[in-house]
């Protein structure tokens, strides 16, 4: 299992979503998929955070290959629900 890192831009844009919320939501993902076959290291997921909110997240595998960097997280949208078949 890759280490989960949370990019600081999430906290800047969404101060109500903590790093722990993102890590918990990723580990509790109810749906996950490779975002684009042309870019195999990018993933989209939706999962429940520490407060029970369903978050959508986008992540990329680090260049070292040892971590997953989540750089987008917010409450799930209808568009992401469709993308993840939720």
PDB file of N, CA and C in Angstrom:
ATOM      1  N   UNK A   1       0.839  -1.178   0.000  1.00  0.00           N
ATOM      2  CA  UNK A   1       0.000   0.000   0.000  1.00  0.00           C
ATOM      3  C   UNK A   1       0.887   1.245   0.000  1.00  0.00           C
ATOM      4  N   UNK A   2       0.572   2.193  -0.865  1.00  0.00           N
ATOM      5  CA  UNK A   2       1.336   3.432  -0.947  1.00  0.00           C
ATOM      6  C   UNK A   2       0.998   4.368   0.205  1.00  0.00           C
ATOM      7  N   UNK A   3       1.980   5.134   0.617  1.00  0.00           N
ATOM      8  CA  UNK A   3       1.759   6.174   1.615  1.00  0.00           C
ATOM      9  C   UNK A   3       0.853   7.244   0.988  1.00  0.00           C
ATOM     10  N   UNK A   4      -0.062   7.805   1.764  1.00  0.00           N
ATOM     11  CA  UNK A   4      -0.972   8.839   1.271  1.00  0.00           C
ATOM     12  C   UNK A   4      -0.484  10.193   1.768  1.00  0.00           C
ATOM     13  N   UNK A   5      -0.181  11.080   0.826  1.00  0.00           N
ATOM     14  CA  UNK A   5       0.222  12.445   1.149  1.00  0.00           C
ATOM     15  C   UNK A   5      -0.867  13.396   0.676  1.00  0.00           C
ATOM     16  N   UNK A   6      -1.097  14.445   1.448  1.00  0.00           N
ATOM     17  CA  UNK A   6      -2.134  15.424   1.117  1.00  0.00           C
ATOM     18  C   UNK A   6      -1.452  16.722   0.712  1.00  0.00           C
ATOM     19  N   UNK A   7      -1.719  17.176  -0.484  1.00  0.00           N
ATOM     20  CA  UNK A   7      -1.124  18.418  -0.977  1.00  0.00           C
ATOM     21  C   UNK A   7      -1.696  19.603  -0.200  1.00  0.00           C
ATOM     22  N   UNK A   8      -0.860  20.584   0.088  1.00  0.00           N
ATOM     23  CA  UNK A   8      -1.268  21.743   0.896  1.00  0.00           C
ATOM     24  C   UNK A   8      -2.350  22.587   0.240  1.00  0.00           C
ATOM     25  N   UNK A   9      -2.512  22.504  -1.066  1.00  0.00           N
ATOM     26  CA  UNK A   9      -3.532  23.311  -1.740  1.00  0.00           C
ATOM     27  C   UNK A   9      -4.941  22.939  -1.283  1.00  0.00           C
ATOM     28  N   UNK A  10      -5.133  21.706  -0.811  1.00  0.00           N
ATOM     29  CA  UNK A  10      -6.456  21.314  -0.325  1.00  0.00           C
ATOM     30  C   UNK A  10      -6.823  22.148   0.893  1.00  0.00           C
ATOM     31  N   UNK A  11      -5.898  22.258   1.846  1.00  0.00           N
ATOM     32  CA  UNK A  11      -6.160  23.050   3.051  1.00  0.00           C
ATOM     33  C   UNK A  11      -6.328  24.532   2.737  1.00  0.00           C
ATOM     34  N   UNK A  12      -5.626  25.017   1.730  1.00  0.00           N
ATOM     35  CA  UNK A  12      -5.749  26.422   1.342  1.00  0.00           C
ATOM     36  C   UNK A  12      -7.115  26.718   0.743  1.00  0.00           C
ATOM     37  N   UNK A  13      -7.596  25.813  -0.111  1.00  0.00           N
ATOM     38  CA  UNK A  13      -8.886  26.025  -0.775  1.00  0.00           C
ATOM     39  C   UNK A  13     -10.077  25.582   0.075  1.00  0.00           C
ATOM     40  N   UNK A  14      -9.870  24.567   0.893  1.00  0.00           N
ATOM     41  CA  UNK A  14     -10.948  23.974   1.690  1.00  0.00           C
ATOM     42  C   UNK A  14     -10.486  23.825   3.142  1.00  0.00           C
ATOM     43  N   UNK A  15     -10.455  24.927   3.900  1.00  0.00           N
ATOM     44  CA  UNK A  15      -9.957  24.838   5.284  1.00  0.00           C
ATOM     45  C   UNK A  15     -10.792  23.932   6.183  1.00  0.00           C
ATOM     46  N   UNK A  16     -12.028  23.617   5.770  1.00  0.00           N
ATOM     47  CA  UNK A  16     -12.877  22.726   6.555  1.00  0.00           C
ATOM     48  C   UNK A  16     -12.547  21.247   6.338  1.00  0.00           C
ATOM     49  N   UNK A  17     -11.633  20.954   5.394  1.00  0.00           N
ATOM     50  CA  UNK A  17     -11.227  19.575   5.120  1.00  0.00           C
ATOM     51  C   UNK A  17      -9.778  19.414   5.576  1.00  0.00           C
ATOM     52  N   UNK A  18      -9.573  18.605   6.599  1.00  0.00           N
ATOM     53  CA  UNK A  18      -8.235  18.403   7.162  1.00  0.00           C
ATOM     54  C   UNK A  18      -7.496  17.289   6.419  1.00  0.00           C
ATOM     55  N   UNK A  19      -6.195  17.218   6.650  1.00  0.00           N
ATOM     56  CA  UNK A  19      -5.401  16.127   6.079  1.00  0.00           C
ATOM     57  C   UNK A  19      -5.944  14.778   6.530  1.00  0.00           C
ATOM     58  N   UNK A  20      -6.323  14.681   7.806  1.00  0.00           N
ATOM     59  CA  UNK A  20      -6.870  13.437   8.342  1.00  0.00           C
ATOM     60  C   UNK A  20      -8.178  13.072   7.640  1.00  0.00           C
ATOM     61  N   UNK A  21      -9.000  14.078   7.321  1.00  0.00           N
ATOM     62  CA  UNK A  21     -10.238  13.822   6.574  1.00  0.00           C
ATOM     63  C   UNK A  21      -9.926  13.182   5.226  1.00  0.00           C
ATOM     64  N   UNK A  22      -8.934  13.730   4.537  1.00  0.00           N
ATOM     65  CA  UNK A  22      -8.579  13.231   3.204  1.00  0.00           C
ATOM     66  C   UNK A  22      -8.017  11.815   3.284  1.00  0.00           C
ATOM     67  N   UNK A  23      -7.105  11.585   4.204  1.00  0.00           N
ATOM     68  CA  UNK A  23      -6.510  10.245   4.342  1.00  0.00           C
ATOM     69  C   UNK A  23      -7.592   9.227   4.705  1.00  0.00           C
ATOM     70  N   UNK A  24      -8.462   9.590   5.617  1.00  0.00           N
ATOM     71  CA  UNK A  24      -9.551   8.686   6.016  1.00  0.00           C
ATOM     72  C   UNK A  24     -10.471   8.403   4.841  1.00  0.00           C
ATOM     73  N   UNK A  25     -10.831   9.443   4.086  1.00  0.00           N
ATOM     74  CA  UNK A  25     -11.721   9.258   2.934  1.00  0.00           C
ATOM     75  C   UNK A  25     -11.064   8.370   1.879  1.00  0.00           C
ATOM     76  N   UNK A  26      -9.770   8.560   1.642  1.00  0.00           N
ATOM     77  CA  UNK A  26      -9.092   7.721   0.636  1.00  0.00           C
ATOM     78  C   UNK A  26      -9.073   6.265   1.092  1.00  0.00           C
ATOM     79  N   UNK A  27      -8.753   6.050   2.357  1.00  0.00           N
ATOM     80  CA  UNK A  27      -8.721   4.672   2.872  1.00  0.00           C
ATOM     81  C   UNK A  27     -10.102   4.033   2.912  1.00  0.00           C
ATOM     82  N   UNK A  28     -11.160   4.859   3.005  1.00  0.00           N
ATOM     83  CA  UNK A  28     -12.537   4.361   3.052  1.00  0.00           C
ATOM     84  C   UNK A  28     -13.242   4.535   1.712  1.00  0.00           C
ATOM     85  N   UNK A  29     -12.487   4.598   0.640  1.00  0.00           N
ATOM     86  CA  UNK A  29     -13.074   4.833  -0.684  1.00  0.00           C
ATOM     87  C   UNK A  29     -14.114   3.762  -1.015  1.00  0.00           C
ATOM     88  N   UNK A  30     -15.259   4.233  -1.485  1.00  0.00           N
ATOM     89  CA  UNK A  30     -16.313   3.317  -1.916  1.00  0.00           C
ATOM     90  C   UNK A  30     -16.273   3.122  -3.424  1.00  0.00           C
ATOM     91  N   UNK A  31     -15.532   4.002  -4.106  1.00  0.00           N
ATOM     92  CA  UNK A  31     -15.337   3.869  -5.544  1.00  0.00           C
ATOM     93  C   UNK A  31     -14.020   4.531  -5.912  1.00  0.00           C
ATOM     94  N   UNK A  32     -13.283   3.889  -6.827  1.00  0.00           N
ATOM     95  CA  UNK A  32     -11.991   4.422  -7.262  1.00  0.00           C
ATOM     96  C   UNK A  32     -11.763   3.937  -8.683  1.00  0.00           C
ATOM     97  N   UNK A  33     -11.143   4.797  -9.477  1.00  0.00           N
ATOM     98  CA  UNK A  33     -10.822   4.396 -10.839  1.00  0.00           C
ATOM     99  C   UNK A  33      -9.624   5.173 -11.343  1.00  0.00           C
ATOM    100  N   UNK A  34      -8.965   4.576 -12.326  1.00  0.00           N
ATOM    101  CA  UNK A  34      -7.908   5.270 -13.017  1.00  0.00           C
ATOM    102  C   UNK A  34      -8.573   6.401 -13.791  1.00  0.00           C
ATOM    103  N   UNK A  35      -8.038   7.591 -13.694  1.00  0.00           N
ATOM    104  CA  UNK A  35      -8.697   8.762 -14.270  1.00  0.00           C
ATOM    105  C   UNK A  35      -8.679   8.748 -15.789  1.00  0.00           C
ATOM    106  N   UNK A  36      -7.564   8.385 -16.394  1.00  0.00           N
ATOM    107  CA  UNK A  36      -7.415   8.434 -17.844  1.00  0.00           C
ATOM    108  C   UNK A  36      -6.398   7.377 -18.266  1.00  0.00           C
ATOM    109  N   UNK A  37      -6.751   6.515 -19.209  1.00  0.00           N
ATOM    110  CA  UNK A  37      -5.803   5.470 -19.635  1.00  0.00           C
ATOM    111  C   UNK A  37      -4.482   6.032 -20.158  1.00  0.00           C
ATOM    112  N   UNK A  38      -4.496   7.250 -20.684  1.00  0.00           N
ATOM    113  CA  UNK A  38      -3.267   7.861 -21.189  1.00  0.00           C
ATOM    114  C   UNK A  38      -2.351   8.351 -20.065  1.00  0.00           C
ATOM    115  N   UNK A  39      -2.912   8.505 -18.870  1.00  0.00           N
ATOM    116  CA  UNK A  39      -2.151   8.948 -17.706  1.00  0.00           C
ATOM    117  C   UNK A  39      -2.420   7.967 -16.570  1.00  0.00           C
ATOM    118  N   UNK A  40      -1.782   6.792 -16.583  1.00  0.00           N
ATOM    119  CA  UNK A  40      -2.134   5.717 -15.650  1.00  0.00           C
ATOM    120  C   UNK A  40      -1.849   6.004 -14.179  1.00  0.00           C
ATOM    121  N   UNK A  41      -1.103   7.037 -13.868  1.00  0.00           N
ATOM    122  CA  UNK A  41      -0.782   7.318 -12.468  1.00  0.00           C
ATOM    123  C   UNK A  41      -1.780   8.245 -11.787  1.00  0.00           C
ATOM    124  N   UNK A  42      -2.844   8.635 -12.486  1.00  0.00           N
ATOM    125  CA  UNK A  42      -3.856   9.531 -11.927  1.00  0.00           C
ATOM    126  C   UNK A  42      -5.120   8.749 -11.574  1.00  0.00           C
ATOM    127  N   UNK A  43      -5.648   9.015 -10.370  1.00  0.00           N
ATOM    128  CA  UNK A  43      -6.818   8.293  -9.885  1.00  0.00           C
ATOM    129  C   UNK A  43      -7.877   9.252  -9.352  1.00  0.00           C
ATOM    130  N   UNK A  44      -9.125   8.858  -9.495  1.00  0.00           N
ATOM    131  CA  UNK A  44     -10.252   9.567  -8.885  1.00  0.00           C
ATOM    132  C   UNK A  44     -10.896   8.597  -7.907  1.00  0.00           C
ATOM    133  N   UNK A  45     -11.360   9.129  -6.788  1.00  0.00           N
ATOM    134  CA  UNK A  45     -11.984   8.280  -5.768  1.00  0.00           C
ATOM    135  C   UNK A  45     -13.006   9.092  -4.988  1.00  0.00           C
ATOM    136  N   UNK A  46     -13.901   8.383  -4.339  1.00  0.00           N
ATOM    137  CA  UNK A  46     -14.854   8.994  -3.416  1.00  0.00           C
ATOM    138  C   UNK A  46     -14.910   8.109  -2.178  1.00  0.00           C
ATOM    139  N   UNK A  47     -14.881   8.756  -1.015  1.00  0.00           N
ATOM    140  CA  UNK A  47     -14.918   8.016   0.240  1.00  0.00           C
ATOM    141  C   UNK A  47     -15.386   8.901   1.374  1.00  0.00           C
ATOM    142  N   UNK A  48     -15.689   8.267   2.492  1.00  0.00           N
ATOM    143  CA  UNK A  48     -16.207   8.985   3.654  1.00  0.00           C
ATOM    144  C   UNK A  48     -15.067   9.430   4.569  1.00  0.00           C
ATOM    145  N   UNK A  49     -15.119  10.707   4.983  1.00  0.00           N
ATOM    146  CA  UNK A  49     -14.081  11.263   5.844  1.00  0.00           C
ATOM    147  C   UNK A  49     -14.413  11.053   7.317  1.00  0.00           C
ATOM    148  N   UNK A  50     -13.655  11.700   8.197  1.00  0.00           N
ATOM    149  CA  UNK A  50     -13.829  11.523   9.645  1.00  0.00           C
ATOM    150  C   UNK A  50     -15.162  12.040  10.155  1.00  0.00           C
ATOM    151  N   UNK A  51     -15.805  12.913   9.372  1.00  0.00           N
ATOM    152  CA  UNK A  51     -17.097  13.479   9.789  1.00  0.00           C
ATOM    153  C   UNK A  51     -18.273  12.845   9.036  1.00  0.00           C
ATOM    154  N   UNK A  52     -17.996  11.813   8.257  1.00  0.00           N
ATOM    155  CA  UNK A  52     -19.049  11.126   7.520  1.00  0.00           C
ATOM    156  C   UNK A  52     -19.429  11.796   6.213  1.00  0.00           C
ATOM    157  N   UNK A  53     -18.659  12.800   5.788  1.00  0.00           N
ATOM    158  CA  UNK A  53     -18.933  13.463   4.503  1.00  0.00           C
ATOM    159  C   UNK A  53     -18.357  12.618   3.373  1.00  0.00           C
ATOM    160  N   UNK A  54     -19.074  12.544   2.276  1.00  0.00           N
ATOM    161  CA  UNK A  54     -18.576  11.841   1.102  1.00  0.00           C
ATOM    162  C   UNK A  54     -17.747  12.835   0.286  1.00  0.00           C
ATOM    163  N   UNK A  55     -16.430  12.576   0.204  1.00  0.00           N
ATOM    164  CA  UNK A  55     -15.520  13.462  -0.514  1.00  0.00           C
ATOM    165  C   UNK A  55     -15.105  12.850  -1.836  1.00  0.00           C
ATOM    166  N   UNK A  56     -14.948  13.709  -2.829  1.00  0.00           N
ATOM    167  CA  UNK A  56     -14.317  13.289  -4.075  1.00  0.00           C
ATOM    168  C   UNK A  56     -12.861  13.710  -3.997  1.00  0.00           C
ATOM    169  N   UNK A  57     -11.989  12.889  -4.553  1.00  0.00           N
ATOM    170  CA  UNK A  57     -10.566  13.159  -4.482  1.00  0.00           C
ATOM    171  C   UNK A  57      -9.901  12.775  -5.793  1.00  0.00           C
ATOM    172  N   UNK A  58      -8.840  13.483  -6.116  1.00  0.00           N
ATOM    173  CA  UNK A  58      -8.011  13.144  -7.263  1.00  0.00           C
ATOM    174  C   UNK A  58      -6.577  13.072  -6.756  1.00  0.00           C
ATOM    175  N   UNK A  59      -5.871  12.040  -7.198  1.00  0.00           N
ATOM    176  CA  UNK A  59      -4.506  11.814  -6.712  1.00  0.00           C
ATOM    177  C   UNK A  59      -3.617  11.330  -7.847  1.00  0.00           C
ATOM    178  N   UNK A  60      -2.326  11.468  -7.614  1.00  0.00           N
ATOM    179  CA  UNK A  60      -1.318  11.005  -8.569  1.00  0.00           C
ATOM    180  C   UNK A  60      -0.243  10.251  -7.789  1.00  0.00           C
ATOM    181  N   UNK A  61       0.306   9.232  -8.421  1.00  0.00           N
ATOM    182  CA  UNK A  61       1.414   8.498  -7.818  1.00  0.00           C
ATOM    183  C   UNK A  61       2.657   9.387  -7.921  1.00  0.00           C
ATOM    184  N   UNK A  62       3.410   9.474  -6.836  1.00  0.00           N
ATOM    185  CA  UNK A  62       4.616  10.311  -6.814  1.00  0.00           C
ATOM    186  C   UNK A  62       5.638   9.805  -7.835  1.00  0.00           C
ATOM    187  N   UNK A  63       6.540  10.684  -8.226  1.00  0.00           N
ATOM    188  CA  UNK A  63       7.585  10.309  -9.182  1.00  0.00           C
ATOM    189  C   UNK A  63       8.456   9.176  -8.648  1.00  0.00           C
ATOM    190  N   UNK A  64       8.625   9.129  -7.321  1.00  0.00           N
ATOM    191  CA  UNK A  64       9.402   8.055  -6.694  1.00  0.00           C
ATOM    192  C   UNK A  64       8.634   6.733  -6.711  1.00  0.00           C
ATOM    193  N   UNK A  65       7.313   6.825  -6.853  1.00  0.00           N
ATOM    194  CA  UNK A  65       6.489   5.627  -6.868  1.00  0.00           C
ATOM    195  C   UNK A  65       6.159   5.073  -5.497  1.00  0.00           C
ATOM    196  N   UNK A  66       6.472   5.825  -4.432  1.00  0.00           N
ATOM    197  CA  UNK A  66       6.246   5.313  -3.086  1.00  0.00           C
ATOM    198  C   UNK A  66       5.090   5.991  -2.353  1.00  0.00           C
ATOM    199  N   UNK A  67       4.434   6.945  -3.004  1.00  0.00           N
ATOM    200  CA  UNK A  67       3.348   7.673  -2.339  1.00  0.00           C
ATOM    201  C   UNK A  67       2.266   8.045  -3.341  1.00  0.00           C
ATOM    202  N   UNK A  68       1.097   8.249  -2.809  1.00  0.00           N
ATOM    203  CA  UNK A  68      -0.038   8.746  -3.571  1.00  0.00           C
ATOM    204  C   UNK A  68      -0.295  10.156  -3.073  1.00  0.00           C
ATOM    205  N   UNK A  69      -0.217  11.138  -3.945  1.00  0.00           N
ATOM    206  CA  UNK A  69      -0.396  12.531  -3.550  1.00  0.00           C
ATOM    207  C   UNK A  69      -1.808  12.967  -3.928  1.00  0.00           C
ATOM    208  N   UNK A  70      -2.626  13.208  -2.920  1.00  0.00           N
ATOM    209  CA  UNK A  70      -3.994  13.674  -3.155  1.00  0.00           C
ATOM    210  C   UNK A  70      -3.928  15.196  -3.260  1.00  0.00           C
ATOM    211  N   UNK A  71      -4.297  15.725  -4.438  1.00  0.00           N
ATOM    212  CA  UNK A  71      -4.176  17.163  -4.654  1.00  0.00           C
ATOM    213  C   UNK A  71      -5.519  17.857  -4.840  1.00  0.00           C
ATOM    214  N   UNK A  72      -6.598  17.096  -4.792  1.00  0.00           N
ATOM    215  CA  UNK A  72      -7.936  17.672  -4.902  1.00  0.00           C
ATOM    216  C   UNK A  72      -8.862  16.895  -3.980  1.00  0.00           C
ATOM    217  N   UNK A  73      -9.628  17.617  -3.168  1.00  0.00           N
ATOM    218  CA  UNK A  73     -10.638  16.983  -2.314  1.00  0.00           C
ATOM    219  C   UNK A  73     -11.718  18.005  -2.021  1.00  0.00           C
ATOM    220  N   UNK A  74     -12.954  17.561  -2.125  1.00  0.00           N
ATOM    221  CA  UNK A  74     -14.105  18.405  -1.828  1.00  0.00           C
ATOM    222  C   UNK A  74     -15.330  17.507  -1.721  1.00  0.00           C
ATOM    223  N   UNK A  75     -16.450  18.046  -1.226  1.00  0.00           N
ATOM    224  CA  UNK A  75     -17.665  17.228  -1.218  1.00  0.00           C
ATOM    225  C   UNK A  75     -17.976  16.752  -2.642  1.00  0.00           C
ATOM    226  N   UNK A  76     -18.439  15.540  -2.752  1.00  0.00           N
ATOM    227  CA  UNK A  76     -18.658  14.921  -4.064  1.00  0.00           C
ATOM    228  C   UNK A  76     -19.734  15.686  -4.853  1.00  0.00           C
ATOM    229  N   UNK A  77     -19.475  15.856  -6.149  1.00  0.00           N
ATOM    230  CA  UNK A  77     -20.408  16.533  -7.059  1.00  0.00           C
ATOM    231  C   UNK A  77     -21.163  15.495  -7.893  1.00  0.00           C
ATOM    232  N   UNK A  78     -22.223  15.941  -8.547  1.00  0.00           N
ATOM    233  CA  UNK A  78     -22.969  15.035  -9.433  1.00  0.00           C
ATOM    234  C   UNK A  78     -22.085  14.512 -10.561  1.00  0.00           C
ATOM    235  N   UNK A  79     -21.242  15.392 -11.094  1.00  0.00           N
ATOM    236  CA  UNK A  79     -20.349  14.992 -12.178  1.00  0.00           C
ATOM    237  C   UNK A  79     -19.417  13.858 -11.730  1.00  0.00           C
ATOM    238  N   UNK A  80     -18.852  13.988 -10.536  1.00  0.00           N
ATOM    239  CA  UNK A  80     -17.953  12.938 -10.040  1.00  0.00           C
ATOM    240  C   UNK A  80     -18.737  11.679  -9.696  1.00  0.00           C
ATOM    241  N   UNK A  81     -19.954  11.839  -9.198  1.00  0.00           N
ATOM    242  CA  UNK A  81     -20.791  10.659  -8.938  1.00  0.00           C
ATOM    243  C   UNK A  81     -20.963   9.845 -10.235  1.00  0.00           C
ATOM    244  N   UNK A  82     -21.217  10.549 -11.346  1.00  0.00           N
ATOM    245  CA  UNK A  82     -21.370   9.857 -12.624  1.00  0.00           C
ATOM    246  C   UNK A  82     -20.056   9.194 -13.044  1.00  0.00           C
ATOM    247  N   UNK A  83     -18.945   9.920 -12.900  1.00  0.00           N
ATOM    248  CA  UNK A  83     -17.655   9.364 -13.290  1.00  0.00           C
ATOM    249  C   UNK A  83     -17.319   8.095 -12.510  1.00  0.00           C
ATOM    250  N   UNK A  84     -17.694   8.063 -11.233  1.00  0.00           N
ATOM    251  CA  UNK A  84     -17.382   6.922 -10.378  1.00  0.00           C
ATOM    252  C   UNK A  84     -18.541   5.924 -10.254  1.00  0.00           C
ATOM    253  N   UNK A  85     -19.577   6.136 -11.051  1.00  0.00           N
ATOM    254  CA  UNK A  85     -20.750   5.240 -11.032  1.00  0.00           C
ATOM    255  C   UNK A  85     -21.380   5.129  -9.650  1.00  0.00           C
ATOM    256  N   UNK A  86     -21.566   6.262  -8.997  1.00  0.00           N
ATOM    257  CA  UNK A  86     -22.198   6.271  -7.669  1.00  0.00           C
ATOM    258  C   UNK A  86     -23.651   6.709  -7.780  1.00  0.00           C
TER     259      UNK A  86
END
